[in-house]
């Protein structure tokens, strides 16, 4: 789950960097997603779904009292992270081809 959050976070930051848009140091995907949505409004629905991934930046990162997430939750997180990386990659490729 941590890796899903990180993949989405890095993809969003890559999109912001590609647009030369400064961003603050944060793991909050809703903040980064809102900033990306201002640049790529057609992807705002996808970015709106990122709130659920934000907590994974820390909740499962270190061993402790948290139980492993259920398999369907893991699958949903993987699917969302994959879609974010794919869509951001397409935007960057499309922009660089222009």
C-alpha atoms as a PDB file:
ATOM      1  CA  UNK A   1       0.000   0.000   0.000  1.00  0.00           C
ATOM      2  CA  UNK A   2       2.873   2.330   0.810  1.00  0.00           C
ATOM      3  CA  UNK A   3       4.257   1.708  -2.662  1.00  0.00           C
ATOM      4  CA  UNK A   4       0.901   2.517  -4.286  1.00  0.00           C
ATOM      5  CA  UNK A   5       0.825   5.851  -2.462  1.00  0.00           C
ATOM      6  CA  UNK A   6       4.419   6.537  -3.433  1.00  0.00           C
ATOM      7  CA  UNK A   7       3.826   5.694  -7.107  1.00  0.00           C
ATOM      8  CA  UNK A   8       0.874   8.077  -7.250  1.00  0.00           C
ATOM      9  CA  UNK A   9       2.750  10.789  -5.355  1.00  0.00           C
ATOM     10  CA  UNK A  10       5.791  10.592  -7.616  1.00  0.00           C
ATOM     11  CA  UNK A  11       3.623  10.615 -10.747  1.00  0.00           C
ATOM     12  CA  UNK A  12       1.783  13.737  -9.576  1.00  0.00           C
ATOM     13  CA  UNK A  13       5.032  15.470  -8.715  1.00  0.00           C
ATOM     14  CA  UNK A  14       6.425  14.484 -12.130  1.00  0.00           C
ATOM     15  CA  UNK A  15       3.405  16.080 -13.806  1.00  0.00           C
ATOM     16  CA  UNK A  16       3.853  19.250 -11.783  1.00  0.00           C
ATOM     17  CA  UNK A  17       7.573  19.357 -12.568  1.00  0.00           C
ATOM     18  CA  UNK A  18       6.831  18.792 -16.264  1.00  0.00           C
ATOM     19  CA  UNK A  19       4.562  21.836 -16.188  1.00  0.00           C
ATOM     20  CA  UNK A  20       7.249  23.817 -14.285  1.00  0.00           C
ATOM     21  CA  UNK A  21       4.737  24.165 -11.463  1.00  0.00           C
ATOM     22  CA  UNK A  22       6.342  24.455  -8.031  1.00  0.00           C
ATOM     23  CA  UNK A  23       4.955  22.254  -5.268  1.00  0.00           C
ATOM     24  CA  UNK A  24       5.589  21.999  -1.570  1.00  0.00           C
ATOM     25  CA  UNK A  25       7.029  19.000   0.217  1.00  0.00           C
ATOM     26  CA  UNK A  26       3.977  16.933   1.062  1.00  0.00           C
ATOM     27  CA  UNK A  27       2.679  13.393   0.939  1.00  0.00           C
ATOM     28  CA  UNK A  28      -0.924  14.649   0.818  1.00  0.00           C
ATOM     29  CA  UNK A  29      -2.258  13.393  -2.492  1.00  0.00           C
ATOM     30  CA  UNK A  30      -5.386  15.539  -2.292  1.00  0.00           C
ATOM     31  CA  UNK A  31      -3.212  18.671  -2.243  1.00  0.00           C
ATOM     32  CA  UNK A  32      -1.057  17.447  -5.116  1.00  0.00           C
ATOM     33  CA  UNK A  33      -4.094  16.161  -7.014  1.00  0.00           C
ATOM     34  CA  UNK A  34      -5.865  19.520  -6.759  1.00  0.00           C
ATOM     35  CA  UNK A  35      -2.771  21.264  -8.049  1.00  0.00           C
ATOM     36  CA  UNK A  36      -2.543  18.791 -10.954  1.00  0.00           C
ATOM     37  CA  UNK A  37      -6.270  19.133 -11.705  1.00  0.00           C
ATOM     38  CA  UNK A  38      -5.768  22.862 -12.238  1.00  0.00           C
ATOM     39  CA  UNK A  39      -3.269  21.981 -14.987  1.00  0.00           C
ATOM     40  CA  UNK A  40      -5.089  18.931 -16.374  1.00  0.00           C
ATOM     41  CA  UNK A  41      -8.804  19.448 -15.628  1.00  0.00           C
ATOM     42  CA  UNK A  42      -9.876  16.470 -17.734  1.00  0.00           C
ATOM     43  CA  UNK A  43      -8.151  14.221 -15.182  1.00  0.00           C
ATOM     44  CA  UNK A  44      -9.730  15.843 -12.127  1.00  0.00           C
ATOM     45  CA  UNK A  45     -12.113  12.900 -11.568  1.00  0.00           C
ATOM     46  CA  UNK A  46      -9.140  10.577 -11.301  1.00  0.00           C
ATOM     47  CA  UNK A  47      -7.269  12.953  -9.012  1.00  0.00           C
ATOM     48  CA  UNK A  48     -10.339  13.256  -6.773  1.00  0.00           C
ATOM     49  CA  UNK A  49     -10.039   9.553  -5.933  1.00  0.00           C
ATOM     50  CA  UNK A  50      -6.589   9.954  -4.387  1.00  0.00           C
ATOM     51  CA  UNK A  51      -7.679  10.899  -0.870  1.00  0.00           C
ATOM     52  CA  UNK A  52      -7.857   7.246   0.165  1.00  0.00           C
ATOM     53  CA  UNK A  53      -4.220   6.624  -0.744  1.00  0.00           C
ATOM     54  CA  UNK A  54      -2.766   9.499   1.297  1.00  0.00           C
ATOM     55  CA  UNK A  55      -2.796   7.654   4.632  1.00  0.00           C
ATOM     56  CA  UNK A  56      -0.668   4.873   3.174  1.00  0.00           C
ATOM     57  CA  UNK A  57       2.308   7.242   3.116  1.00  0.00           C
ATOM     58  CA  UNK A  58       2.747   6.392   6.776  1.00  0.00           C
ATOM     59  CA  UNK A  59       0.193   3.904   8.137  1.00  0.00           C
ATOM     60  CA  UNK A  60       1.803   0.681   6.853  1.00  0.00           C
ATOM     61  CA  UNK A  61       5.314   2.014   6.399  1.00  0.00           C
ATOM     62  CA  UNK A  62       6.579   0.869   9.768  1.00  0.00           C
ATOM     63  CA  UNK A  63       5.754  -2.317  11.665  1.00  0.00           C
ATOM     64  CA  UNK A  64       3.297  -1.863  14.469  1.00  0.00           C
ATOM     65  CA  UNK A  65      -0.276  -2.151  15.512  1.00  0.00           C
ATOM     66  CA  UNK A  66      -1.929  -1.984  12.093  1.00  0.00           C
ATOM     67  CA  UNK A  67      -3.358  -5.147  10.549  1.00  0.00           C
ATOM     68  CA  UNK A  68      -2.617  -5.853   6.902  1.00  0.00           C
ATOM     69  CA  UNK A  69      -5.244  -4.373   4.578  1.00  0.00           C
ATOM     70  CA  UNK A  70      -7.804  -6.705   2.989  1.00  0.00           C
ATOM     71  CA  UNK A  71      -6.969  -7.993  -0.483  1.00  0.00           C
ATOM     72  CA  UNK A  72      -9.741  -6.005  -2.250  1.00  0.00           C
ATOM     73  CA  UNK A  73      -8.408  -2.783  -0.722  1.00  0.00           C
ATOM     74  CA  UNK A  74      -4.905  -3.619  -1.928  1.00  0.00           C
ATOM     75  CA  UNK A  75      -6.235  -4.361  -5.413  1.00  0.00           C
ATOM     76  CA  UNK A  76      -8.108  -1.057  -5.536  1.00  0.00           C
ATOM     77  CA  UNK A  77      -5.006   0.855  -4.433  1.00  0.00           C
ATOM     78  CA  UNK A  78      -2.865  -0.890  -7.049  1.00  0.00           C
ATOM     79  CA  UNK A  79      -5.399  -0.168  -9.776  1.00  0.00           C
ATOM     80  CA  UNK A  80      -5.639   3.502  -8.844  1.00  0.00           C
ATOM     81  CA  UNK A  81      -1.864   3.958  -8.635  1.00  0.00           C
ATOM     82  CA  UNK A  82      -1.432   2.195 -11.982  1.00  0.00           C
ATOM     83  CA  UNK A  83      -4.054   4.437 -13.603  1.00  0.00           C
ATOM     84  CA  UNK A  84      -2.451   7.599 -12.224  1.00  0.00           C
ATOM     85  CA  UNK A  85       0.997   6.592 -13.482  1.00  0.00           C
ATOM     86  CA  UNK A  86      -0.445   5.629 -16.883  1.00  0.00           C
ATOM     87  CA  UNK A  87      -2.449   8.830 -17.344  1.00  0.00           C
ATOM     88  CA  UNK A  88       0.389  11.084 -16.211  1.00  0.00           C
ATOM     89  CA  UNK A  89       2.769   9.254 -18.539  1.00  0.00           C
ATOM     90  CA  UNK A  90       0.367   9.786 -21.435  1.00  0.00           C
ATOM     91  CA  UNK A  91       0.095  13.507 -20.648  1.00  0.00           C
ATOM     92  CA  UNK A  92       3.842  13.934 -20.525  1.00  0.00           C
ATOM     93  CA  UNK A  93       4.330  11.932 -23.747  1.00  0.00           C
ATOM     94  CA  UNK A  94       1.573  13.920 -25.486  1.00  0.00           C
ATOM     95  CA  UNK A  95       3.023  17.214 -24.303  1.00  0.00           C
ATOM     96  CA  UNK A  96       6.584  16.320 -25.341  1.00  0.00           C
ATOM     97  CA  UNK A  97       5.392  15.254 -28.822  1.00  0.00           C
ATOM     98  CA  UNK A  98       3.822  18.661 -29.444  1.00  0.00           C
END
